[in-house]
Amino acid sequence: MGYTGLLLCACWIVDEIHRGEGHGKMTIEQMRQSEAVEIADRWKYDGEYAFYDMTADPEDYREITTPALRDGRYYSVFSGGELTGFFCVEQEGADVEIGLGLRPDLTGQGRGGAFLAEILDFVKTRYLFEKIRISVASFNSRAIRVYERAGFVKTGAEEVPTNGGVYHFTLMELRRCDENQASDGARY
């Protein structure tokens, strides 16, 4: 099972996350241009989380609003027919890297676990990988807690030039393991 033996297996504690948050089933679709523009232009986060506003980073803005740059890697997440979040998936050899965002008015309400669970379920059923990697701004302790509850472990840190400065990011990963190694409570 790799270097820790303590990691939970892929999607791994998704059932527990779903039971704990009970916000209903979400649907995932390939991102359309209108959704990309809504996210990029209208989603504005409060306080230090304004770091995640797409307009704060011209490169991120250009990538999400340009269909050719999204290149089928961006997905919209809906709940009750409303756009509630998005994510992107990048296959890098045996690894998958994900990036995600929850609609600003839904953050800080305990919805992150269910949102992440849907994304992990989607990735697990559509991509072959050894591990899922995620990079999160180190100040974002809310997100780090959500990822840790889902079984991600911290693997390092890096300084990243973005948003007109250099910021500290925490690197995390979740290893996929054989279905027969999953804990009794896991779905997979």
N, C-alpha and C. Protein backbone atom coordinates (compact mmCIF):
# COMPACT_ATOMS: atom_id res chain seq x y z
N MET A 1 0.82 -1.19 0.00
CA MET A 1 0.00 0.00 0.00
C MET A 1 0.86 1.25 0.00
N GLY A 2 2.10 1.13 -0.23
CA GLY A 2 2.90 2.34 -0.30
C GLY A 2 3.47 2.74 1.04
N TYR A 3 3.82 3.99 1.14
CA TYR A 3 4.63 4.44 2.25
C TYR A 3 3.89 4.66 3.56
N THR A 4 2.59 4.68 3.59
CA THR A 4 1.97 4.93 4.89
C THR A 4 1.14 3.79 5.42
N GLY A 5 0.48 3.08 4.56
CA GLY A 5 -0.41 2.04 5.03
C GLY A 5 -1.62 2.59 5.75
N LEU A 6 -1.61 3.89 5.99
CA LEU A 6 -2.70 4.51 6.71
C LEU A 6 -3.69 5.22 5.80
N LEU A 7 -3.30 5.38 4.54
CA LEU A 7 -4.20 6.08 3.63
C LEU A 7 -5.43 5.24 3.35
N LEU A 8 -6.53 5.89 3.27
CA LEU A 8 -7.76 5.20 2.90
C LEU A 8 -7.78 5.08 1.39
N CYS A 9 -8.48 4.10 0.87
CA CYS A 9 -8.47 3.84 -0.56
C CYS A 9 -9.40 4.77 -1.31
N ALA A 10 -9.18 4.81 -2.62
CA ALA A 10 -9.86 5.73 -3.51
C ALA A 10 -11.35 5.81 -3.24
N CYS A 11 -11.76 6.99 -3.00
CA CYS A 11 -13.11 7.45 -2.67
C CYS A 11 -13.62 6.77 -1.44
N TRP A 12 -13.17 6.14 -0.82
CA TRP A 12 -12.40 5.81 0.28
C TRP A 12 -13.21 6.17 1.46
N ILE A 13 -13.62 7.30 1.62
CA ILE A 13 -14.56 7.56 2.71
C ILE A 13 -15.71 8.40 2.18
N VAL A 14 -15.97 8.23 0.90
CA VAL A 14 -17.01 9.02 0.26
C VAL A 14 -18.37 8.81 0.93
N ASP A 15 -18.71 7.56 1.26
CA ASP A 15 -20.00 7.33 1.91
C ASP A 15 -20.12 8.10 3.21
N GLU A 16 -19.06 8.11 4.00
CA GLU A 16 -19.09 8.86 5.26
C GLU A 16 -19.28 10.35 5.00
N ILE A 17 -18.62 10.87 3.99
CA ILE A 17 -18.76 12.28 3.66
C ILE A 17 -20.20 12.56 3.26
N HIS A 18 -20.77 11.71 2.39
CA HIS A 18 -22.15 11.91 1.96
C HIS A 18 -23.11 11.86 3.14
N ARG A 19 -22.96 10.88 4.01
CA ARG A 19 -23.86 10.76 5.16
C ARG A 19 -23.75 11.98 6.07
N GLY A 20 -22.53 12.48 6.23
CA GLY A 20 -22.32 13.59 7.14
C GLY A 20 -22.85 14.91 6.63
N GLU A 21 -23.04 15.06 5.32
CA GLU A 21 -23.43 16.37 4.83
C GLU A 21 -24.82 16.41 4.23
N GLY A 22 -25.33 15.33 3.70
CA GLY A 22 -26.69 15.24 3.23
C GLY A 22 -27.21 16.38 2.38
N HIS A 23 -26.46 16.83 1.40
CA HIS A 23 -26.92 17.93 0.57
C HIS A 23 -27.46 17.45 -0.77
N GLY A 24 -27.66 16.17 -0.94
CA GLY A 24 -28.25 15.65 -2.17
C GLY A 24 -27.23 15.38 -3.25
N LYS A 25 -27.68 14.63 -4.25
CA LYS A 25 -26.83 14.23 -5.36
C LYS A 25 -26.53 15.41 -6.27
N MET A 26 -25.31 15.46 -6.68
CA MET A 26 -24.87 16.49 -7.61
C MET A 26 -24.70 15.85 -8.98
N THR A 27 -24.74 16.67 -10.00
CA THR A 27 -24.48 16.19 -11.35
C THR A 27 -23.27 16.94 -11.89
N ILE A 28 -22.56 16.26 -12.77
CA ILE A 28 -21.34 16.82 -13.36
C ILE A 28 -21.47 16.77 -14.87
N GLU A 29 -21.15 17.89 -15.51
CA GLU A 29 -21.20 17.98 -16.97
C GLU A 29 -19.95 18.70 -17.47
N GLN A 30 -19.61 18.43 -18.71
CA GLN A 30 -18.52 19.18 -19.34
C GLN A 30 -18.86 20.66 -19.26
N MET A 31 -17.88 21.49 -18.90
CA MET A 31 -18.14 22.92 -18.74
C MET A 31 -18.48 23.57 -20.09
N ARG A 32 -19.56 24.34 -20.07
CA ARG A 32 -19.96 25.12 -21.23
C ARG A 32 -19.41 26.54 -21.10
N GLN A 33 -19.37 27.25 -22.21
CA GLN A 33 -18.81 28.60 -22.22
C GLN A 33 -19.55 29.53 -21.26
N SER A 34 -20.86 29.45 -21.22
CA SER A 34 -21.63 30.35 -20.34
C SER A 34 -21.28 30.12 -18.88
N GLU A 35 -21.02 28.88 -18.49
CA GLU A 35 -20.62 28.57 -17.11
C GLU A 35 -19.21 29.09 -16.83
N ALA A 36 -18.33 28.93 -17.81
CA ALA A 36 -16.96 29.41 -17.64
C ALA A 36 -16.95 30.92 -17.42
N VAL A 37 -17.73 31.64 -18.20
CA VAL A 37 -17.79 33.09 -18.07
C VAL A 37 -18.42 33.49 -16.74
N GLU A 38 -19.47 32.79 -16.33
CA GLU A 38 -20.10 33.08 -15.03
C GLU A 38 -19.08 32.91 -13.89
N ILE A 39 -18.36 31.81 -13.90
CA ILE A 39 -17.36 31.55 -12.86
C ILE A 39 -16.26 32.61 -12.89
N ALA A 40 -15.74 32.86 -14.08
CA ALA A 40 -14.61 33.77 -14.22
C ALA A 40 -14.96 35.22 -13.89
N ASP A 41 -16.14 35.67 -14.30
CA ASP A 41 -16.49 37.08 -14.14
C ASP A 41 -17.31 37.39 -12.89
N ARG A 42 -18.11 36.44 -12.41
CA ARG A 42 -19.06 36.77 -11.35
C ARG A 42 -18.75 36.16 -9.99
N TRP A 43 -17.96 35.11 -9.94
CA TRP A 43 -17.68 34.48 -8.65
C TRP A 43 -16.59 35.27 -7.94
N LYS A 44 -16.97 35.95 -6.87
CA LYS A 44 -16.05 36.78 -6.09
C LYS A 44 -16.09 36.30 -4.63
N TYR A 45 -14.94 35.99 -4.11
CA TYR A 45 -14.80 35.46 -2.75
C TYR A 45 -14.46 36.58 -1.78
N ASP A 46 -14.84 36.42 -0.53
CA ASP A 46 -14.60 37.42 0.51
C ASP A 46 -13.22 37.29 1.13
N GLY A 47 -12.71 38.42 1.62
CA GLY A 47 -11.48 38.45 2.41
C GLY A 47 -10.30 37.84 1.69
N GLU A 48 -9.51 37.08 2.45
CA GLU A 48 -8.30 36.48 1.87
C GLU A 48 -8.62 35.49 0.76
N TYR A 49 -9.86 34.98 0.74
CA TYR A 49 -10.25 34.03 -0.29
C TYR A 49 -10.44 34.70 -1.66
N ALA A 50 -10.41 36.03 -1.72
CA ALA A 50 -10.45 36.74 -3.00
C ALA A 50 -9.26 36.32 -3.87
N PHE A 51 -8.28 35.72 -3.25
CA PHE A 51 -7.14 35.12 -3.96
C PHE A 51 -7.64 34.19 -5.07
N TYR A 52 -8.81 33.54 -4.85
CA TYR A 52 -9.35 32.57 -5.81
C TYR A 52 -10.21 33.20 -6.91
N ASP A 53 -10.43 34.50 -6.89
CA ASP A 53 -11.17 35.15 -7.96
C ASP A 53 -10.39 34.96 -9.26
N MET A 54 -11.06 34.49 -10.29
CA MET A 54 -10.39 34.26 -11.58
C MET A 54 -9.81 35.54 -12.16
N THR A 55 -10.46 36.66 -11.88
CA THR A 55 -9.97 37.93 -12.42
C THR A 55 -8.66 38.37 -11.75
N ALA A 56 -8.28 37.70 -10.65
CA ALA A 56 -7.03 38.04 -9.96
C ALA A 56 -5.80 37.48 -10.67
N ASP A 57 -6.01 36.52 -11.57
CA ASP A 57 -4.88 35.91 -12.27
C ASP A 57 -5.21 35.81 -13.76
N PRO A 58 -4.60 36.66 -14.59
CA PRO A 58 -4.92 36.66 -16.02
C PRO A 58 -4.74 35.29 -16.69
N GLU A 59 -3.75 34.53 -16.26
CA GLU A 59 -3.52 33.21 -16.87
C GLU A 59 -4.68 32.26 -16.55
N ASP A 60 -5.11 32.21 -15.28
CA ASP A 60 -6.25 31.36 -14.91
C ASP A 60 -7.52 31.82 -15.64
N TYR A 61 -7.73 33.12 -15.69
CA TYR A 61 -8.90 33.68 -16.36
C TYR A 61 -8.93 33.25 -17.83
N ARG A 62 -7.81 33.42 -18.50
CA ARG A 62 -7.71 33.07 -19.92
C ARG A 62 -7.96 31.57 -20.12
N GLU A 63 -7.41 30.75 -19.23
CA GLU A 63 -7.58 29.30 -19.38
C GLU A 63 -9.04 28.88 -19.25
N ILE A 64 -9.73 29.40 -18.25
CA ILE A 64 -11.11 28.95 -18.05
C ILE A 64 -12.07 29.53 -19.08
N THR A 65 -11.79 30.71 -19.61
CA THR A 65 -12.73 31.35 -20.54
C THR A 65 -12.45 31.03 -22.01
N THR A 66 -11.36 30.35 -22.29
CA THR A 66 -11.02 30.03 -23.68
C THR A 66 -11.26 28.54 -23.92
N PRO A 67 -12.26 28.19 -24.72
CA PRO A 67 -12.60 26.78 -24.93
C PRO A 67 -11.40 25.91 -25.31
N ALA A 68 -10.55 26.39 -26.19
CA ALA A 68 -9.40 25.59 -26.63
C ALA A 68 -8.42 25.33 -25.47
N LEU A 69 -8.31 26.27 -24.53
CA LEU A 69 -7.42 26.08 -23.39
C LEU A 69 -8.05 25.19 -22.32
N ARG A 70 -9.38 25.22 -22.22
CA ARG A 70 -10.05 24.29 -21.28
C ARG A 70 -9.88 22.86 -21.78
N ASP A 71 -9.91 22.68 -23.09
CA ASP A 71 -9.58 21.42 -23.75
C ASP A 71 -10.22 20.19 -23.13
N GLY A 72 -11.50 20.27 -22.76
CA GLY A 72 -12.21 19.11 -22.23
C GLY A 72 -11.81 18.70 -20.82
N ARG A 73 -11.01 19.51 -20.14
CA ARG A 73 -10.53 19.16 -18.80
C ARG A 73 -11.36 19.80 -17.69
N TYR A 74 -12.26 20.72 -18.03
CA TYR A 74 -13.04 21.45 -17.04
C TYR A 74 -14.47 20.93 -16.99
N TYR A 75 -14.98 20.81 -15.78
CA TYR A 75 -16.33 20.29 -15.57
C TYR A 75 -17.10 21.22 -14.63
N SER A 76 -18.40 21.31 -14.87
CA SER A 76 -19.30 22.08 -14.01
C SER A 76 -20.04 21.11 -13.11
N VAL A 77 -20.27 21.52 -11.86
CA VAL A 77 -20.99 20.70 -10.89
C VAL A 77 -22.29 21.43 -10.56
N PHE A 78 -23.39 20.68 -10.64
CA PHE A 78 -24.72 21.23 -10.39
C PHE A 78 -25.37 20.51 -9.21
N SER A 79 -26.15 21.26 -8.46
CA SER A 79 -26.96 20.70 -7.39
C SER A 79 -28.32 21.37 -7.50
N GLY A 80 -29.37 20.57 -7.62
CA GLY A 80 -30.70 21.14 -7.79
C GLY A 80 -30.81 22.00 -9.03
N GLY A 81 -30.06 21.68 -10.07
CA GLY A 81 -30.09 22.42 -11.31
C GLY A 81 -29.28 23.71 -11.30
N GLU A 82 -28.67 24.06 -10.18
CA GLU A 82 -27.88 25.28 -10.08
C GLU A 82 -26.39 24.97 -10.15
N LEU A 83 -25.65 25.83 -10.83
CA LEU A 83 -24.20 25.71 -10.88
C LEU A 83 -23.65 25.98 -9.48
N THR A 84 -23.01 24.97 -8.89
CA THR A 84 -22.51 25.11 -7.53
C THR A 84 -21.00 25.02 -7.43
N GLY A 85 -20.35 24.56 -8.48
CA GLY A 85 -18.90 24.45 -8.44
C GLY A 85 -18.34 24.01 -9.78
N PHE A 86 -17.05 23.85 -9.79
CA PHE A 86 -16.36 23.39 -10.99
C PHE A 86 -15.08 22.67 -10.56
N PHE A 87 -14.52 21.94 -11.51
CA PHE A 87 -13.20 21.35 -11.29
C PHE A 87 -12.54 21.09 -12.63
N CYS A 88 -11.23 20.91 -12.58
CA CYS A 88 -10.48 20.52 -13.76
C CYS A 88 -9.63 19.31 -13.39
N VAL A 89 -9.35 18.51 -14.41
CA VAL A 89 -8.58 17.28 -14.23
C VAL A 89 -7.45 17.28 -15.25
N GLU A 90 -6.26 17.01 -14.78
CA GLU A 90 -5.08 16.94 -15.64
C GLU A 90 -4.40 15.60 -15.41
N GLN A 91 -4.38 14.76 -16.44
CA GLN A 91 -3.68 13.47 -16.35
C GLN A 91 -2.20 13.73 -16.57
N GLU A 92 -1.37 13.30 -15.62
CA GLU A 92 0.07 13.48 -15.71
C GLU A 92 0.74 12.14 -15.44
N GLY A 93 0.93 11.35 -16.49
CA GLY A 93 1.50 10.01 -16.33
C GLY A 93 0.56 9.15 -15.52
N ALA A 94 1.08 8.58 -14.42
CA ALA A 94 0.27 7.71 -13.57
C ALA A 94 -0.53 8.49 -12.53
N ASP A 95 -0.42 9.80 -12.56
CA ASP A 95 -1.11 10.64 -11.57
C ASP A 95 -2.19 11.49 -12.24
N VAL A 96 -3.14 11.91 -11.42
CA VAL A 96 -4.15 12.86 -11.85
C VAL A 96 -4.05 14.05 -10.91
N GLU A 97 -4.03 15.24 -11.46
CA GLU A 97 -4.06 16.44 -10.64
C GLU A 97 -5.42 17.10 -10.82
N ILE A 98 -6.03 17.51 -9.71
CA ILE A 98 -7.31 18.18 -9.79
C ILE A 98 -7.21 19.58 -9.19
N GLY A 99 -8.03 20.46 -9.70
CA GLY A 99 -8.23 21.79 -9.15
C GLY A 99 -9.72 22.00 -9.06
N LEU A 100 -10.20 22.70 -8.07
CA LEU A 100 -11.64 22.82 -7.90
C LEU A 100 -12.03 24.13 -7.26
N GLY A 101 -13.30 24.48 -7.41
CA GLY A 101 -13.82 25.69 -6.79
C GLY A 101 -15.29 25.54 -6.50
N LEU A 102 -15.70 25.94 -5.32
CA LEU A 102 -17.09 25.93 -4.90
C LEU A 102 -17.61 27.37 -5.01
N ARG A 103 -18.85 27.54 -5.43
CA ARG A 103 -19.43 28.87 -5.57
C ARG A 103 -19.26 29.66 -4.27
N PRO A 104 -18.85 30.91 -4.35
CA PRO A 104 -18.50 31.68 -3.15
C PRO A 104 -19.56 31.69 -2.05
N ASP A 105 -20.84 31.81 -2.40
CA ASP A 105 -21.87 31.87 -1.36
C ASP A 105 -22.12 30.53 -0.68
N LEU A 106 -21.49 29.46 -1.17
CA LEU A 106 -21.66 28.14 -0.58
C LEU A 106 -20.47 27.73 0.28
N THR A 107 -19.41 28.52 0.29
CA THR A 107 -18.22 28.16 1.06
C THR A 107 -18.45 28.40 2.55
N GLY A 108 -17.72 27.66 3.36
CA GLY A 108 -17.80 27.82 4.81
C GLY A 108 -19.07 27.30 5.44
N GLN A 109 -19.83 26.46 4.71
CA GLN A 109 -21.11 25.95 5.19
C GLN A 109 -21.11 24.43 5.38
N GLY A 110 -19.93 23.81 5.34
CA GLY A 110 -19.87 22.37 5.51
C GLY A 110 -20.23 21.57 4.27
N ARG A 111 -20.20 22.18 3.12
CA ARG A 111 -20.56 21.49 1.87
C ARG A 111 -19.35 20.94 1.12
N GLY A 112 -18.16 21.32 1.55
CA GLY A 112 -16.96 20.95 0.82
C GLY A 112 -16.73 19.45 0.71
N GLY A 113 -17.05 18.70 1.75
CA GLY A 113 -16.84 17.26 1.72
C GLY A 113 -17.68 16.56 0.67
N ALA A 114 -18.96 16.90 0.60
CA ALA A 114 -19.85 16.29 -0.40
C ALA A 114 -19.43 16.69 -1.80
N PHE A 115 -19.04 17.95 -1.94
CA PHE A 115 -18.57 18.45 -3.24
C PHE A 115 -17.34 17.68 -3.69
N LEU A 116 -16.36 17.55 -2.80
CA LEU A 116 -15.15 16.80 -3.11
C LEU A 116 -15.45 15.33 -3.39
N ALA A 117 -16.36 14.74 -2.63
CA ALA A 117 -16.72 13.33 -2.83
C ALA A 117 -17.25 13.09 -4.23
N GLU A 118 -18.09 13.98 -4.73
CA GLU A 118 -18.61 13.83 -6.09
C GLU A 118 -17.48 13.90 -7.12
N ILE A 119 -16.55 14.81 -6.91
CA ILE A 119 -15.43 14.95 -7.83
C ILE A 119 -14.56 13.70 -7.79
N LEU A 120 -14.25 13.20 -6.60
CA LEU A 120 -13.43 11.99 -6.49
C LEU A 120 -14.11 10.79 -7.13
N ASP A 121 -15.42 10.67 -6.95
CA ASP A 121 -16.17 9.59 -7.56
C ASP A 121 -16.07 9.68 -9.08
N PHE A 122 -16.24 10.87 -9.62
CA PHE A 122 -16.14 11.10 -11.06
C PHE A 122 -14.75 10.71 -11.57
N VAL A 123 -13.71 11.18 -10.90
CA VAL A 123 -12.34 10.90 -11.31
C VAL A 123 -12.06 9.40 -11.24
N LYS A 124 -12.49 8.75 -10.17
CA LYS A 124 -12.23 7.32 -9.99
C LYS A 124 -12.85 6.48 -11.10
N THR A 125 -14.02 6.87 -11.57
CA THR A 125 -14.70 6.06 -12.58
C THR A 125 -14.28 6.39 -14.01
N ARG A 126 -13.54 7.47 -14.21
CA ARG A 126 -13.20 7.88 -15.58
C ARG A 126 -11.72 7.97 -15.90
N TYR A 127 -10.87 7.87 -14.91
CA TYR A 127 -9.43 8.02 -15.13
C TYR A 127 -8.67 6.86 -14.50
N LEU A 128 -7.60 6.46 -15.14
CA LEU A 128 -6.67 5.50 -14.56
C LEU A 128 -5.57 6.29 -13.89
N PHE A 129 -5.26 5.97 -12.64
CA PHE A 129 -4.25 6.73 -11.92
C PHE A 129 -3.75 5.93 -10.73
N GLU A 130 -2.59 6.31 -10.25
CA GLU A 130 -2.03 5.76 -9.02
C GLU A 130 -2.36 6.67 -7.83
N LYS A 131 -2.35 7.99 -8.10
CA LYS A 131 -2.68 8.92 -7.02
C LYS A 131 -3.31 10.18 -7.61
N ILE A 132 -4.09 10.84 -6.77
CA ILE A 132 -4.67 12.13 -7.11
C ILE A 132 -3.89 13.17 -6.34
N ARG A 133 -3.45 14.19 -7.05
CA ARG A 133 -2.69 15.28 -6.40
C ARG A 133 -3.53 16.54 -6.41
N ILE A 134 -3.29 17.34 -5.40
CA ILE A 134 -3.96 18.64 -5.30
C ILE A 134 -2.98 19.62 -4.67
N SER A 135 -3.05 20.86 -5.09
CA SER A 135 -2.21 21.92 -4.56
C SER A 135 -3.15 22.99 -4.04
N VAL A 136 -2.98 23.40 -2.78
CA VAL A 136 -3.90 24.35 -2.17
C VAL A 136 -3.11 25.47 -1.49
N ALA A 137 -3.59 26.70 -1.65
CA ALA A 137 -2.94 27.82 -0.97
C ALA A 137 -2.87 27.50 0.52
N SER A 138 -1.70 27.61 1.10
CA SER A 138 -1.48 27.17 2.49
C SER A 138 -2.35 27.89 3.51
N PHE A 139 -2.78 29.12 3.20
CA PHE A 139 -3.65 29.82 4.15
C PHE A 139 -5.05 29.23 4.21
N ASN A 140 -5.42 28.40 3.22
CA ASN A 140 -6.78 27.89 3.12
C ASN A 140 -6.97 26.65 4.00
N SER A 141 -6.99 26.88 5.29
CA SER A 141 -7.10 25.77 6.25
C SER A 141 -8.43 25.04 6.12
N ARG A 142 -9.50 25.72 5.70
CA ARG A 142 -10.80 25.05 5.51
C ARG A 142 -10.65 23.94 4.46
N ALA A 143 -10.06 24.28 3.32
CA ALA A 143 -9.91 23.30 2.25
C ALA A 143 -8.97 22.17 2.67
N ILE A 144 -7.89 22.51 3.33
CA ILE A 144 -6.94 21.49 3.77
C ILE A 144 -7.63 20.48 4.69
N ARG A 145 -8.48 20.95 5.61
CA ARG A 145 -9.21 20.03 6.49
C ARG A 145 -10.14 19.11 5.69
N VAL A 146 -10.83 19.66 4.69
CA VAL A 146 -11.72 18.85 3.85
C VAL A 146 -10.91 17.76 3.14
N TYR A 147 -9.77 18.13 2.58
CA TYR A 147 -8.95 17.16 1.86
C TYR A 147 -8.42 16.09 2.81
N GLU A 148 -7.99 16.49 3.99
CA GLU A 148 -7.49 15.50 4.96
C GLU A 148 -8.59 14.54 5.39
N ARG A 149 -9.81 15.03 5.60
CA ARG A 149 -10.92 14.14 5.96
C ARG A 149 -11.22 13.14 4.86
N ALA A 150 -10.93 13.51 3.62
CA ALA A 150 -11.15 12.62 2.49
C ALA A 150 -9.99 11.65 2.27
N GLY A 151 -8.96 11.74 3.10
CA GLY A 151 -7.85 10.82 2.99
C GLY A 151 -6.58 11.37 2.36
N PHE A 152 -6.60 12.60 1.90
CA PHE A 152 -5.38 13.21 1.35
C PHE A 152 -4.37 13.42 2.47
N VAL A 153 -3.10 13.29 2.11
CA VAL A 153 -2.02 13.58 3.06
C VAL A 153 -1.12 14.64 2.45
N LYS A 154 -0.53 15.43 3.33
CA LYS A 154 0.40 16.46 2.89
C LYS A 154 1.70 15.79 2.45
N THR A 155 2.21 16.22 1.30
CA THR A 155 3.43 15.62 0.76
C THR A 155 4.54 16.63 0.55
N GLY A 156 4.24 17.90 0.75
CA GLY A 156 5.26 18.91 0.56
C GLY A 156 4.66 20.29 0.45
N ALA A 157 5.49 21.21 0.00
CA ALA A 157 5.07 22.60 -0.17
C ALA A 157 5.87 23.18 -1.32
N GLU A 158 5.35 24.26 -1.89
CA GLU A 158 6.08 24.96 -2.94
C GLU A 158 5.65 26.41 -2.97
N GLU A 159 6.54 27.23 -3.48
CA GLU A 159 6.25 28.64 -3.69
C GLU A 159 5.84 28.79 -5.16
N VAL A 160 4.68 29.41 -5.39
CA VAL A 160 4.14 29.50 -6.74
C VAL A 160 3.93 30.96 -7.13
N PRO A 161 4.50 31.38 -8.26
CA PRO A 161 4.21 32.74 -8.74
C PRO A 161 2.81 32.76 -9.37
N THR A 162 1.92 33.56 -8.80
CA THR A 162 0.55 33.68 -9.29
C THR A 162 -0.07 34.96 -8.73
N ASN A 163 -1.11 35.43 -9.34
CA ASN A 163 -1.87 36.59 -8.86
C ASN A 163 -0.97 37.78 -8.54
N GLY A 164 0.10 37.98 -9.30
CA GLY A 164 0.97 39.12 -9.12
C GLY A 164 1.94 39.00 -7.96
N GLY A 165 2.11 37.82 -7.39
CA GLY A 165 3.04 37.62 -6.29
C GLY A 165 3.51 36.17 -6.25
N VAL A 166 4.19 35.82 -5.18
CA VAL A 166 4.63 34.43 -4.97
C VAL A 166 3.96 33.96 -3.69
N TYR A 167 3.25 32.83 -3.77
CA TYR A 167 2.45 32.34 -2.66
C TYR A 167 2.86 30.92 -2.27
N HIS A 168 2.68 30.61 -1.01
CA HIS A 168 3.01 29.30 -0.45
C HIS A 168 1.82 28.35 -0.65
N PHE A 169 2.09 27.19 -1.25
CA PHE A 169 1.06 26.18 -1.50
C PHE A 169 1.43 24.88 -0.78
N THR A 170 0.42 24.20 -0.28
CA THR A 170 0.58 22.88 0.33
C THR A 170 0.24 21.85 -0.74
N LEU A 171 1.12 20.87 -0.90
CA LEU A 171 0.90 19.78 -1.85
C LEU A 171 0.32 18.60 -1.09
N MET A 172 -0.72 17.98 -1.68
CA MET A 172 -1.39 16.85 -1.03
C MET A 172 -1.66 15.78 -2.07
N GLU A 173 -1.81 14.55 -1.60
CA GLU A 173 -2.16 13.46 -2.52
C GLU A 173 -2.99 12.40 -1.83
N LEU A 174 -3.70 11.69 -2.67
CA LEU A 174 -4.52 10.56 -2.24
C LEU A 174 -4.17 9.40 -3.15
N ARG A 175 -3.69 8.33 -2.58
CA ARG A 175 -3.30 7.16 -3.37
C ARG A 175 -4.50 6.26 -3.61
N ARG A 176 -4.58 5.75 -4.82
CA ARG A 176 -5.61 4.76 -5.17
C ARG A 176 -5.05 3.39 -4.80
N CYS A 177 -5.88 2.54 -4.29
CA CYS A 177 -5.43 1.19 -3.98
C CYS A 177 -6.47 0.19 -4.46
N ASP A 178 -6.13 -1.05 -4.39
CA ASP A 178 -7.02 -2.09 -4.86
C ASP A 178 -8.33 -2.08 -4.09
N GLU A 179 -9.40 -2.42 -4.80
CA GLU A 179 -10.71 -2.44 -4.16
C GLU A 179 -10.76 -3.37 -2.97
N ASN A 180 -10.04 -4.47 -3.02
CA ASN A 180 -10.09 -5.43 -1.92
C ASN A 180 -9.34 -4.94 -0.68
N GLN A 181 -8.63 -3.84 -0.79
CA GLN A 181 -7.94 -3.28 0.36
C GLN A 181 -8.76 -2.18 1.03
N ALA A 182 -9.88 -1.81 0.41
CA ALA A 182 -10.69 -0.73 0.95
C ALA A 182 -11.26 -1.12 2.31
N SER A 183 -11.45 -0.11 3.15
CA SER A 183 -12.02 -0.38 4.46
C SER A 183 -13.46 -0.85 4.32
N ASP A 184 -13.98 -1.50 5.34
CA ASP A 184 -15.33 -2.04 5.30
C ASP A 184 -16.38 -0.96 5.03
N GLY A 185 -16.14 0.25 5.44
CA GLY A 185 -17.12 1.31 5.28
C GLY A 185 -17.05 2.02 3.94
N ALA A 186 -16.07 1.68 3.11
CA ALA A 186 -15.92 2.39 1.84
C ALA A 186 -16.86 1.84 0.80
N ARG A 187 -17.22 2.69 -0.15
CA ARG A 187 -18.09 2.30 -1.25
C ARG A 187 -17.37 1.46 -2.27
N TYR A 188 -16.08 1.60 -2.41
CA TYR A 188 -15.37 1.00 -3.53
C TYR A 188 -14.50 -0.13 -3.10
